[in-house]
Amino acid sequence: AYGLWDFMILRSLWKIRKLDFLVWWVSFFATLFLSASTGLLLALAFS
């Protein structure tokens, strides 16, 4: 999974569309602090 972590994309997301930037952060923190399935469902609902 190391290759999947691309934090440099955040800069381009911030420049292009701030709502996608927010979706990325909600998905990341929901998966990090909750379980993977709950984080995935929350990320899907937020998207």
ModelCIF file with pLDDT and N, C-alpha, C, O atoms, coordinates in Angstrom:
data_MODEL
#
_entry.id   MODEL 
#
_entity.id                         1 
_entity.type                       polymer 
_entity.pdbx_number_of_molecules   1 
#
_entity_poly.entity_id                      1 
_entity_poly.type                           'polypeptide(L)' 
_entity_poly.nstd_linkage                   no 
_entity_poly.nstd_monomer                   no 
_entity_poly.pdbx_seq_one_letter_code       AYGLWDFMILRSLWKIRKLDFLVWWVSFFATLFLSASTGLLLALAFS 
_entity_poly.pdbx_seq_one_letter_code_can   AYGLWDFMILRSLWKIRKLDFLVWWVSFFATLFLSASTGLLLALAFS 
_entity_poly.pdbx_strand_id                 A 
#
loop_
_entity_poly_seq.entity_id 
_entity_poly_seq.num 
_entity_poly_seq.mon_id 
_entity_poly_seq.hetero 
1 1  ALA n 
1 2  TYR n 
1 3  GLY n 
1 4  LEU n 
1 5  TRP n 
1 6  ASP n 
1 7  PHE n 
1 8  MET n 
1 9  ILE n 
1 10 LEU n 
1 11 ARG n 
1 12 SER n 
1 13 LEU n 
1 14 TRP n 
1 15 LYS n 
1 16 ILE n 
1 17 ARG n 
1 18 LYS n 
1 19 LEU n 
1 20 ASP n 
1 21 PHE n 
1 22 LEU n 
1 23 VAL n 
1 24 TRP n 
1 25 TRP n 
1 26 VAL n 
1 27 SER n 
1 28 PHE n 
1 29 PHE n 
1 30 ALA n 
1 31 THR n 
1 32 LEU n 
1 33 PHE n 
1 34 LEU n 
1 35 SER n 
1 36 ALA n 
1 37 SER n 
1 38 THR n 
1 39 GLY n 
1 40 LEU n 
1 41 LEU n 
1 42 LEU n 
1 43 ALA n 
1 44 LEU n 
1 45 ALA n 
1 46 PHE n 
1 47 SER n 
#
_struct_asym.id          A 
_struct_asym.entity_id   1 
#
loop_
_ma_qa_metric.id 
_ma_qa_metric.mode 
_ma_qa_metric.name 
_ma_qa_metric.software_group_id 
_ma_qa_metric.type 
1 global pLDDT . pLDDT 
2 local  pLDDT . pLDDT 
#
_ma_qa_metric_global.metric_id      1 
_ma_qa_metric_global.metric_value   84.81 
_ma_qa_metric_global.model_id       1 
_ma_qa_metric_global.ordinal_id     1 
#
loop_
_ma_qa_metric_local.label_asym_id 
_ma_qa_metric_local.label_comp_id 
_ma_qa_metric_local.label_seq_id 
_ma_qa_metric_local.metric_id 
_ma_qa_metric_local.metric_value 
_ma_qa_metric_local.model_id 
_ma_qa_metric_local.ordinal_id 
A ALA 1  2 76.00 1 1  
A TYR 2  2 77.00 1 2  
A GLY 3  2 70.00 1 3  
A LEU 4  2 70.00 1 4  
A TRP 5  2 74.00 1 5  
A ASP 6  2 73.00 1 6  
A PHE 7  2 75.00 1 7  
A MET 8  2 80.00 1 8  
A ILE 9  2 82.00 1 9  
A LEU 10 2 82.00 1 10 
A ARG 11 2 84.00 1 11 
A SER 12 2 84.00 1 12 
A LEU 13 2 82.00 1 13 
A TRP 14 2 87.00 1 14 
A LYS 15 2 88.00 1 15 
A ILE 16 2 87.00 1 16 
A ARG 17 2 86.00 1 17 
A LYS 18 2 87.00 1 18 
A LEU 19 2 87.00 1 19 
A ASP 20 2 85.00 1 20 
A PHE 21 2 87.00 1 21 
A LEU 22 2 88.00 1 22 
A VAL 23 2 87.00 1 23 
A TRP 24 2 86.00 1 24 
A TRP 25 2 88.00 1 25 
A VAL 26 2 88.00 1 26 
A SER 27 2 87.00 1 27 
A PHE 28 2 86.00 1 28 
A PHE 29 2 89.00 1 29 
A ALA 30 2 89.00 1 30 
A THR 31 2 86.00 1 31 
A LEU 32 2 85.00 1 32 
A PHE 33 2 89.00 1 33 
A LEU 34 2 88.00 1 34 
A SER 35 2 84.00 1 35 
A ALA 36 2 82.00 1 36 
A SER 37 2 87.00 1 37 
A THR 38 2 89.00 1 38 
A GLY 39 2 86.00 1 39 
A LEU 40 2 87.00 1 40 
A LEU 41 2 91.00 1 41 
A LEU 42 2 90.00 1 42 
A ALA 43 2 88.00 1 43 
A LEU 44 2 90.00 1 44 
A ALA 45 2 93.00 1 45 
A PHE 46 2 91.00 1 46 
A SER 47 2 89.00 1 47 
#
loop_
_atom_site.group_PDB 
_atom_site.id 
_atom_site.type_symbol 
_atom_site.label_atom_id 
_atom_site.label_alt_id 
_atom_site.label_comp_id 
_atom_site.label_asym_id 
_atom_site.label_entity_id 
_atom_site.label_seq_id 
_atom_site.pdbx_PDB_ins_code 
_atom_site.Cartn_x 
_atom_site.Cartn_y 
_atom_site.Cartn_z 
_atom_site.occupancy 
_atom_site.B_iso_or_equiv 
_atom_site.pdbx_formal_charge 
_atom_site.auth_seq_id 
_atom_site.auth_comp_id 
_atom_site.auth_asym_id 
_atom_site.auth_atom_id 
_atom_site.pdbx_PDB_model_num 
ATOM 1   N N  . ALA A 1 1  ? 0.808   -1.222 0.000  1.00 76.00 ? 1  ALA A N  1 
ATOM 2   C CA . ALA A 1 1  ? 0.000   0.000  0.000  1.00 76.00 ? 1  ALA A CA 1 
ATOM 3   C C  . ALA A 1 1  ? 0.838   1.268  0.000  1.00 76.00 ? 1  ALA A C  1 
ATOM 4   O O  . ALA A 1 1  ? 0.295   2.361  -0.166 1.00 76.00 ? 1  ALA A O  1 
ATOM 5   N N  . TYR A 1 2  ? 2.139   1.150  0.181  1.00 77.00 ? 2  TYR A N  1 
ATOM 6   C CA . TYR A 1 2  ? 2.996   2.337  0.250  1.00 77.00 ? 2  TYR A CA 1 
ATOM 7   C C  . TYR A 1 2  ? 2.918   3.169  -1.029 1.00 77.00 ? 2  TYR A C  1 
ATOM 8   O O  . TYR A 1 2  ? 2.929   4.399  -0.970 1.00 77.00 ? 2  TYR A O  1 
ATOM 9   N N  . GLY A 1 3  ? 2.843   2.524  -2.151 1.00 70.00 ? 3  GLY A N  1 
ATOM 10  C CA . GLY A 1 3  ? 2.754   3.241  -3.419 1.00 70.00 ? 3  GLY A CA 1 
ATOM 11  C C  . GLY A 1 3  ? 1.432   3.960  -3.620 1.00 70.00 ? 3  GLY A C  1 
ATOM 12  O O  . GLY A 1 3  ? 1.326   4.840  -4.474 1.00 70.00 ? 3  GLY A O  1 
ATOM 13  N N  . LEU A 1 4  ? 0.424   3.594  -2.842 1.00 70.00 ? 4  LEU A N  1 
ATOM 14  C CA . LEU A 1 4  ? -0.885  4.240  -2.970 1.00 70.00 ? 4  LEU A CA 1 
ATOM 15  C C  . LEU A 1 4  ? -0.939  5.590  -2.248 1.00 70.00 ? 4  LEU A C  1 
ATOM 16  O O  . LEU A 1 4  ? -1.819  6.403  -2.528 1.00 70.00 ? 4  LEU A O  1 
ATOM 17  N N  . TRP A 1 5  ? -0.024  5.829  -1.340 1.00 74.00 ? 5  TRP A N  1 
ATOM 18  C CA . TRP A 1 5  ? -0.028  7.061  -0.559 1.00 74.00 ? 5  TRP A CA 1 
ATOM 19  C C  . TRP A 1 5  ? 0.670   8.154  -1.349 1.00 74.00 ? 5  TRP A C  1 
ATOM 20  O O  . TRP A 1 5  ? 1.898   8.183  -1.435 1.00 74.00 ? 5  TRP A O  1 
ATOM 21  N N  . ASP A 1 6  ? -0.102  9.033  -1.912 1.00 73.00 ? 6  ASP A N  1 
ATOM 22  C CA . ASP A 1 6  ? 0.446   10.122 -2.722 1.00 73.00 ? 6  ASP A CA 1 
ATOM 23  C C  . ASP A 1 6  ? -0.066  11.434 -2.135 1.00 73.00 ? 6  ASP A C  1 
ATOM 24  O O  . ASP A 1 6  ? -1.114  11.943 -2.533 1.00 73.00 ? 6  ASP A O  1 
ATOM 25  N N  . PHE A 1 7  ? 0.696   11.969 -1.181 1.00 75.00 ? 7  PHE A N  1 
ATOM 26  C CA . PHE A 1 7  ? 0.268   13.196 -0.533 1.00 75.00 ? 7  PHE A CA 1 
ATOM 27  C C  . PHE A 1 7  ? 0.533   14.433 -1.384 1.00 75.00 ? 7  PHE A C  1 
ATOM 28  O O  . PHE A 1 7  ? 0.020   15.509 -1.077 1.00 75.00 ? 7  PHE A O  1 
ATOM 29  N N  . MET A 1 8  ? 1.320   14.302 -2.439 1.00 80.00 ? 8  MET A N  1 
ATOM 30  C CA . MET A 1 8  ? 1.582   15.447 -3.308 1.00 80.00 ? 8  MET A CA 1 
ATOM 31  C C  . MET A 1 8  ? 0.362   15.816 -4.148 1.00 80.00 ? 8  MET A C  1 
ATOM 32  O O  . MET A 1 8  ? 0.282   16.923 -4.681 1.00 80.00 ? 8  MET A O  1 
ATOM 33  N N  . ILE A 1 9  ? -0.580  14.893 -4.264 1.00 82.00 ? 9  ILE A N  1 
ATOM 34  C CA . ILE A 1 9  ? -1.792  15.192 -5.026 1.00 82.00 ? 9  ILE A CA 1 
ATOM 35  C C  . ILE A 1 9  ? -2.644  16.233 -4.310 1.00 82.00 ? 9  ILE A C  1 
ATOM 36  O O  . ILE A 1 9  ? -3.488  16.879 -4.932 1.00 82.00 ? 9  ILE A O  1 
ATOM 37  N N  . LEU A 1 10 ? -2.429  16.398 -3.014 1.00 82.00 ? 10 LEU A N  1 
ATOM 38  C CA . LEU A 1 10 ? -3.220  17.365 -2.250 1.00 82.00 ? 10 LEU A CA 1 
ATOM 39  C C  . LEU A 1 10 ? -3.009  18.791 -2.756 1.00 82.00 ? 10 LEU A C  1 
ATOM 40  O O  . LEU A 1 10 ? -3.946  19.589 -2.776 1.00 82.00 ? 10 LEU A O  1 
ATOM 41  N N  . ARG A 1 11 ? -1.821  19.098 -3.151 1.00 84.00 ? 11 ARG A N  1 
ATOM 42  C CA . ARG A 1 11 ? -1.541  20.440 -3.665 1.00 84.00 ? 11 ARG A CA 1 
ATOM 43  C C  . ARG A 1 11 ? -2.341  20.715 -4.934 1.00 84.00 ? 11 ARG A C  1 
ATOM 44  O O  . ARG A 1 11 ? -2.917  21.791 -5.089 1.00 84.00 ? 11 ARG A O  1 
ATOM 45  N N  . SER A 1 12 ? -2.374  19.744 -5.834 1.00 84.00 ? 12 SER A N  1 
ATOM 46  C CA . SER A 1 12 ? -3.139  19.947 -7.066 1.00 84.00 ? 12 SER A CA 1 
ATOM 47  C C  . SER A 1 12 ? -4.641  19.932 -6.792 1.00 84.00 ? 12 SER A C  1 
ATOM 48  O O  . SER A 1 12 ? -5.394  20.656 -7.443 1.00 84.00 ? 12 SER A O  1 
ATOM 49  N N  . LEU A 1 13 ? -5.085  19.113 -5.833 1.00 82.00 ? 13 LEU A N  1 
ATOM 50  C CA . LEU A 1 13 ? -6.507  19.138 -5.477 1.00 82.00 ? 13 LEU A CA 1 
ATOM 51  C C  . LEU A 1 13 ? -6.906  20.494 -4.902 1.00 82.00 ? 13 LEU A C  1 
ATOM 52  O O  . LEU A 1 13 ? -7.988  21.000 -5.201 1.00 82.00 ? 13 LEU A O  1 
ATOM 53  N N  . TRP A 1 14 ? -6.051  21.075 -4.089 1.00 87.00 ? 14 TRP A N  1 
ATOM 54  C CA . TRP A 1 14 ? -6.344  22.384 -3.507 1.00 87.00 ? 14 TRP A CA 1 
ATOM 55  C C  . TRP A 1 14 ? -6.446  23.449 -4.590 1.00 87.00 ? 14 TRP A C  1 
ATOM 56  O O  . TRP A 1 14 ? -7.302  24.331 -4.522 1.00 87.00 ? 14 TRP A O  1 
ATOM 57  N N  . LYS A 1 15 ? -5.572  23.368 -5.587 1.00 88.00 ? 15 LYS A N  1 
ATOM 58  C CA . LYS A 1 15 ? -5.587  24.365 -6.655 1.00 88.00 ? 15 LYS A CA 1 
ATOM 59  C C  . LYS A 1 15 ? -6.759  24.169 -7.608 1.00 88.00 ? 15 LYS A C  1 
ATOM 60  O O  . LYS A 1 15 ? -7.363  25.144 -8.056 1.00 88.00 ? 15 LYS A O  1 
ATOM 61  N N  . ILE A 1 16 ? -7.084  22.929 -7.919 1.00 87.00 ? 16 ILE A N  1 
ATOM 62  C CA . ILE A 1 16 ? -8.110  22.655 -8.920 1.00 87.00 ? 16 ILE A CA 1 
ATOM 63  C C  . ILE A 1 16 ? -9.512  22.765 -8.337 1.00 87.00 ? 16 ILE A C  1 
ATOM 64  O O  . ILE A 1 16 ? -10.347 23.507 -8.854 1.00 87.00 ? 16 ILE A O  1 
ATOM 65  N N  . ARG A 1 17 ? -9.772  22.024 -7.256 1.00 86.00 ? 17 ARG A N  1 
ATOM 66  C CA . ARG A 1 17 ? -11.121 22.010 -6.685 1.00 86.00 ? 17 ARG A CA 1 
ATOM 67  C C  . ARG A 1 17 ? -11.034 21.729 -5.196 1.00 86.00 ? 17 ARG A C  1 
ATOM 68  O O  . ARG A 1 17 ? -10.612 20.648 -4.786 1.00 86.00 ? 17 ARG A O  1 
ATOM 69  N N  . LYS A 1 18 ? -11.423 22.678 -4.403 1.00 87.00 ? 18 LYS A N  1 
ATOM 70  C CA . LYS A 1 18 ? -11.292 22.573 -2.954 1.00 87.00 ? 18 LYS A CA 1 
ATOM 71  C C  . LYS A 1 18 ? -12.252 21.556 -2.347 1.00 87.00 ? 18 LYS A C  1 
ATOM 72  O O  . LYS A 1 18 ? -11.966 20.994 -1.290 1.00 87.00 ? 18 LYS A O  1 
ATOM 73  N N  . LEU A 1 19 ? -13.383 21.314 -2.998 1.00 87.00 ? 19 LEU A N  1 
ATOM 74  C CA . LEU A 1 19 ? -14.326 20.321 -2.494 1.00 87.00 ? 19 LEU A CA 1 
ATOM 75  C C  . LEU A 1 19 ? -13.737 18.914 -2.588 1.00 87.00 ? 19 LEU A C  1 
ATOM 76  O O  . LEU A 1 19 ? -13.958 18.100 -1.691 1.00 87.00 ? 19 LEU A O  1 
ATOM 77  N N  . ASP A 1 20 ? -12.995 18.610 -3.650 1.00 85.00 ? 20 ASP A N  1 
ATOM 78  C CA . ASP A 1 20 ? -12.314 17.317 -3.758 1.00 85.00 ? 20 ASP A CA 1 
ATOM 79  C C  . ASP A 1 20 ? -11.225 17.184 -2.694 1.00 85.00 ? 20 ASP A C  1 
ATOM 80  O O  . ASP A 1 20 ? -10.993 16.096 -2.166 1.00 85.00 ? 20 ASP A O  1 
ATOM 81  N N  . PHE A 1 21 ? -10.573 18.278 -2.391 1.00 87.00 ? 21 PHE A N  1 
ATOM 82  C CA . PHE A 1 21 ? -9.582  18.299 -1.314 1.00 87.00 ? 21 PHE A CA 1 
ATOM 83  C C  . PHE A 1 21 ? -10.237 17.910 0.011  1.00 87.00 ? 21 PHE A C  1 
ATOM 84  O O  . PHE A 1 21 ? -9.682  17.119 0.773  1.00 87.00 ? 21 PHE A O  1 
ATOM 85  N N  . LEU A 1 22 ? -11.408 18.463 0.280  1.00 88.00 ? 22 LEU A N  1 
ATOM 86  C CA . LEU A 1 22 ? -12.132 18.155 1.506  1.00 88.00 ? 22 LEU A CA 1 
ATOM 87  C C  . LEU A 1 22 ? -12.604 16.704 1.525  1.00 88.00 ? 22 LEU A C  1 
ATOM 88  O O  . LEU A 1 22 ? -12.555 16.053 2.569  1.00 88.00 ? 22 LEU A O  1 
ATOM 89  N N  . VAL A 1 23 ? -13.056 16.197 0.398  1.00 87.00 ? 23 VAL A N  1 
ATOM 90  C CA . VAL A 1 23 ? -13.473 14.799 0.311  1.00 87.00 ? 23 VAL A CA 1 
ATOM 91  C C  . VAL A 1 23 ? -12.289 13.881 0.612  1.00 87.00 ? 23 VAL A C  1 
ATOM 92  O O  . VAL A 1 23 ? -12.447 12.871 1.296  1.00 87.00 ? 23 VAL A O  1 
ATOM 93  N N  . TRP A 1 24 ? -11.104 14.228 0.105  1.00 86.00 ? 24 TRP A N  1 
ATOM 94  C CA . TRP A 1 24 ? -9.915  13.418 0.362  1.00 86.00 ? 24 TRP A CA 1 
ATOM 95  C C  . TRP A 1 24 ? -9.615  13.368 1.853  1.00 86.00 ? 24 TRP A C  1 
ATOM 96  O O  . TRP A 1 24 ? -9.352  12.296 2.399  1.00 86.00 ? 24 TRP A O  1 
ATOM 97  N N  . TRP A 1 25 ? -9.653  14.522 2.516  1.00 88.00 ? 25 TRP A N  1 
ATOM 98  C CA . TRP A 1 25 ? -9.344  14.559 3.945  1.00 88.00 ? 25 TRP A CA 1 
ATOM 99  C C  . TRP A 1 25 ? -10.377 13.831 4.785  1.00 88.00 ? 25 TRP A C  1 
ATOM 100 O O  . TRP A 1 25 ? -10.021 13.136 5.736  1.00 88.00 ? 25 TRP A O  1 
ATOM 101 N N  . VAL A 1 26 ? -11.652 13.981 4.447  1.00 88.00 ? 26 VAL A N  1 
ATOM 102 C CA . VAL A 1 26 ? -12.698 13.258 5.188  1.00 88.00 ? 26 VAL A CA 1 
ATOM 103 C C  . VAL A 1 26 ? -12.491 11.759 5.018  1.00 88.00 ? 26 VAL A C  1 
ATOM 104 O O  . VAL A 1 26 ? -12.592 11.007 5.987  1.00 88.00 ? 26 VAL A O  1 
ATOM 105 N N  . SER A 1 27 ? -12.207 11.323 3.810  1.00 87.00 ? 27 SER A N  1 
ATOM 106 C CA . SER A 1 27 ? -11.975 9.897  3.556  1.00 87.00 ? 27 SER A CA 1 
ATOM 107 C C  . SER A 1 27 ? -10.760 9.394  4.326  1.00 87.00 ? 27 SER A C  1 
ATOM 108 O O  . SER A 1 27 ? -10.801 8.323  4.933  1.00 87.00 ? 27 SER A O  1 
ATOM 109 N N  . PHE A 1 28 ? -9.695  10.158 4.300  1.00 86.00 ? 28 PHE A N  1 
ATOM 110 C CA . PHE A 1 28 ? -8.463  9.750  4.972  1.00 86.00 ? 28 PHE A CA 1 
ATOM 111 C C  . PHE A 1 28 ? -8.664  9.612  6.477  1.00 86.00 ? 28 PHE A C  1 
ATOM 112 O O  . PHE A 1 28 ? -8.316  8.586  7.061  1.00 86.00 ? 28 PHE A O  1 
ATOM 113 N N  . PHE A 1 29 ? -9.221  10.639 7.102  1.00 89.00 ? 29 PHE A N  1 
ATOM 114 C CA . PHE A 1 29 ? -9.365  10.604 8.560  1.00 89.00 ? 29 PHE A CA 1 
ATOM 115 C C  . PHE A 1 29 ? -10.446 9.636  9.015  1.00 89.00 ? 29 PHE A C  1 
ATOM 116 O O  . PHE A 1 29 ? -10.322 9.038  10.084 1.00 89.00 ? 29 PHE A O  1 
ATOM 117 N N  . ALA A 1 30 ? -11.500 9.467  8.230  1.00 89.00 ? 30 ALA A N  1 
ATOM 118 C CA . ALA A 1 30 ? -12.536 8.505  8.599  1.00 89.00 ? 30 ALA A CA 1 
ATOM 119 C C  . ALA A 1 30 ? -11.972 7.086  8.577  1.00 89.00 ? 30 ALA A C  1 
ATOM 120 O O  . ALA A 1 30 ? -12.283 6.279  9.453  1.00 89.00 ? 30 ALA A O  1 
ATOM 121 N N  . THR A 1 31 ? -11.152 6.783  7.589  1.00 86.00 ? 31 THR A N  1 
ATOM 122 C CA . THR A 1 31 ? -10.547 5.459  7.513  1.00 86.00 ? 31 THR A CA 1 
ATOM 123 C C  . THR A 1 31 ? -9.461  5.285  8.563  1.00 86.00 ? 31 THR A C  1 
ATOM 124 O O  . THR A 1 31 ? -9.272  4.184  9.081  1.00 86.00 ? 31 THR A O  1 
ATOM 125 N N  . LEU A 1 32 ? -8.753  6.349  8.881  1.00 85.00 ? 32 LEU A N  1 
ATOM 126 C CA . LEU A 1 32 ? -7.671  6.273  9.863  1.00 85.00 ? 32 LEU A CA 1 
ATOM 127 C C  . LEU A 1 32 ? -8.204  6.079  11.278 1.00 85.00 ? 32 LEU A C  1 
ATOM 128 O O  . LEU A 1 32 ? -7.693  5.241  12.022 1.00 85.00 ? 32 LEU A O  1 
ATOM 129 N N  . PHE A 1 33 ? -9.222  6.842  11.657 1.00 89.00 ? 33 PHE A N  1 
ATOM 130 C CA . PHE A 1 33 ? -9.693  6.812  13.042 1.00 89.00 ? 33 PHE A CA 1 
ATOM 131 C C  . PHE A 1 33 ? -10.862 5.870  13.285 1.00 89.00 ? 33 PHE A C  1 
ATOM 132 O O  . PHE A 1 33 ? -11.099 5.463  14.423 1.00 89.00 ? 33 PHE A O  1 
ATOM 133 N N  . LEU A 1 34 ? -11.590 5.518  12.242 1.00 88.00 ? 34 LEU A N  1 
ATOM 134 C CA . LEU A 1 34 ? -12.666 4.544  12.362 1.00 88.00 ? 34 LEU A CA 1 
ATOM 135 C C  . LEU A 1 34 ? -12.195 3.253  11.711 1.00 88.00 ? 34 LEU A C  1 
ATOM 136 O O  . LEU A 1 34 ? -11.036 3.144  11.309 1.00 88.00 ? 34 LEU A O  1 
ATOM 137 N N  . SER A 1 35 ? -13.059 2.307  11.609 1.00 84.00 ? 35 SER A N  1 
ATOM 138 C CA . SER A 1 35 ? -12.671 1.078  10.911 1.00 84.00 ? 35 SER A CA 1 
ATOM 139 C C  . SER A 1 35 ? -12.642 1.321  9.407  1.00 84.00 ? 35 SER A C  1 
ATOM 140 O O  . SER A 1 35 ? -13.154 2.330  8.923  1.00 84.00 ? 35 SER A O  1 
ATOM 141 N N  . ALA A 1 36 ? -12.048 0.403  8.685  1.00 82.00 ? 36 ALA A N  1 
ATOM 142 C CA . ALA A 1 36 ? -11.917 0.578  7.234  1.00 82.00 ? 36 ALA A CA 1 
ATOM 143 C C  . ALA A 1 36 ? -13.280 0.588  6.556  1.00 82.00 ? 36 ALA A C  1 
ATOM 144 O O  . ALA A 1 36 ? -13.521 1.399  5.663  1.00 82.00 ? 36 ALA A O  1 
ATOM 145 N N  . SER A 1 37 ? -14.166 -0.299 6.969  1.00 87.00 ? 37 SER A N  1 
ATOM 146 C CA . SER A 1 37 ? -15.484 -0.351 6.327  1.00 87.00 ? 37 SER A CA 1 
ATOM 147 C C  . SER A 1 37 ? -16.318 0.876  6.667  1.00 87.00 ? 37 SER A C  1 
ATOM 148 O O  . SER A 1 37 ? -17.015 1.404  5.800  1.00 87.00 ? 37 SER A O  1 
ATOM 149 N N  . THR A 1 38 ? -16.260 1.339  7.911  1.00 89.00 ? 38 THR A N  1 
ATOM 150 C CA . THR A 1 38 ? -16.999 2.541  8.296  1.00 89.00 ? 38 THR A CA 1 
ATOM 151 C C  . THR A 1 38 ? -16.427 3.771  7.604  1.00 89.00 ? 38 THR A C  1 
ATOM 152 O O  . THR A 1 38 ? -17.174 4.634  7.144  1.00 89.00 ? 38 THR A O  1 
ATOM 153 N N  . GLY A 1 39 ? -15.120 3.849  7.531  1.00 86.00 ? 39 GLY A N  1 
ATOM 154 C CA . GLY A 1 39 ? -14.485 4.962  6.837  1.00 86.00 ? 39 GLY A CA 1 
ATOM 155 C C  . GLY A 1 39 ? -14.840 4.982  5.367  1.00 86.00 ? 39 GLY A C  1 
ATOM 156 O O  . GLY A 1 39 ? -15.069 6.045  4.791  1.00 86.00 ? 39 GLY A O  1 
ATOM 157 N N  . LEU A 1 40 ? -14.886 3.808  4.758  1.00 87.00 ? 40 LEU A N  1 
ATOM 158 C CA . LEU A 1 40 ? -15.247 3.716  3.350  1.00 87.00 ? 40 LEU A CA 1 
ATOM 159 C C  . LEU A 1 40 ? -16.686 4.152  3.124  1.00 87.00 ? 40 LEU A C  1 
ATOM 160 O O  . LEU A 1 40 ? -16.970 4.874  2.169  1.00 87.00 ? 40 LEU A O  1 
ATOM 161 N N  . LEU A 1 41 ? -17.590 3.724  3.985  1.00 91.00 ? 41 LEU A N  1 
ATOM 162 C CA . LEU A 1 41 ? -18.996 4.140  3.850  1.00 91.00 ? 41 LEU A CA 1 
ATOM 163 C C  . LEU A 1 41 ? -19.161 5.640  4.067  1.00 91.00 ? 41 LEU A C  1 
ATOM 164 O O  . LEU A 1 41 ? -19.919 6.294  3.350  1.00 91.00 ? 41 LEU A O  1 
ATOM 165 N N  . LEU A 1 42 ? -18.462 6.179  5.044  1.00 90.00 ? 42 LEU A N  1 
ATOM 166 C CA . LEU A 1 42 ? -18.537 7.617  5.296  1.00 90.00 ? 42 LEU A CA 1 
ATOM 167 C C  . LEU A 1 42 ? -17.948 8.399  4.132  1.00 90.00 ? 42 LEU A C  1 
ATOM 168 O O  . LEU A 1 42 ? -18.495 9.428  3.734  1.00 90.00 ? 42 LEU A O  1 
ATOM 169 N N  . ALA A 1 43 ? -16.843 7.923  3.586  1.00 88.00 ? 43 ALA A N  1 
ATOM 170 C CA . ALA A 1 43 ? -16.233 8.581  2.423  1.00 88.00 ? 43 ALA A CA 1 
ATOM 171 C C  . ALA A 1 43 ? -17.159 8.527  1.218  1.00 88.00 ? 43 ALA A C  1 
ATOM 172 O O  . ALA A 1 43 ? -17.271 9.504  0.477  1.00 88.00 ? 43 ALA A O  1 
ATOM 173 N N  . LEU A 1 44 ? -17.821 7.401  1.016  1.00 90.00 ? 44 LEU A N  1 
ATOM 174 C CA . LEU A 1 44 ? -18.760 7.267  -0.089 1.00 90.00 ? 44 LEU A CA 1 
ATOM 175 C C  . LEU A 1 44 ? -19.935 8.220  0.078  1.00 90.00 ? 44 LEU A C  1 
ATOM 176 O O  . LEU A 1 44 ? -20.344 8.888  -0.871 1.00 90.00 ? 44 LEU A O  1 
ATOM 177 N N  . ALA A 1 45 ? -20.477 8.276  1.296  1.00 93.00 ? 45 ALA A N  1 
ATOM 178 C CA . ALA A 1 45 ? -21.608 9.173  1.550  1.00 93.00 ? 45 ALA A CA 1 
ATOM 179 C C  . ALA A 1 45 ? -21.201 10.645 1.360  1.00 93.00 ? 45 ALA A C  1 
ATOM 180 O O  . ALA A 1 45 ? -21.954 11.435 0.790  1.00 93.00 ? 45 ALA A O  1 
ATOM 181 N N  . PHE A 1 46 ? -20.020 10.995 1.837  1.00 91.00 ? 46 PHE A N  1 
ATOM 182 C CA . PHE A 1 46 ? -19.548 12.376 1.689  1.00 91.00 ? 46 PHE A CA 1 
ATOM 183 C C  . PHE A 1 46 ? -19.291 12.707 0.218  1.00 91.00 ? 46 PHE A C  1 
ATOM 184 O O  . PHE A 1 46 ? -19.560 13.826 -0.219 1.00 91.00 ? 46 PHE A O  1 
ATOM 185 N N  . SER A 1 47 ? -18.778 11.750 -0.542 1.00 89.00 ? 47 SER A N  1 
ATOM 186 C CA . SER A 1 47 ? -18.539 11.985 -1.959 1.00 89.00 ? 47 SER A CA 1 
ATOM 187 C C  . SER A 1 47 ? -19.849 12.183 -2.714 1.00 89.00 ? 47 SER A C  1 
ATOM 188 O O  . SER A 1 47 ? -19.837 12.394 -3.927 1.00 89.00 ? 47 SER A O  1 
#
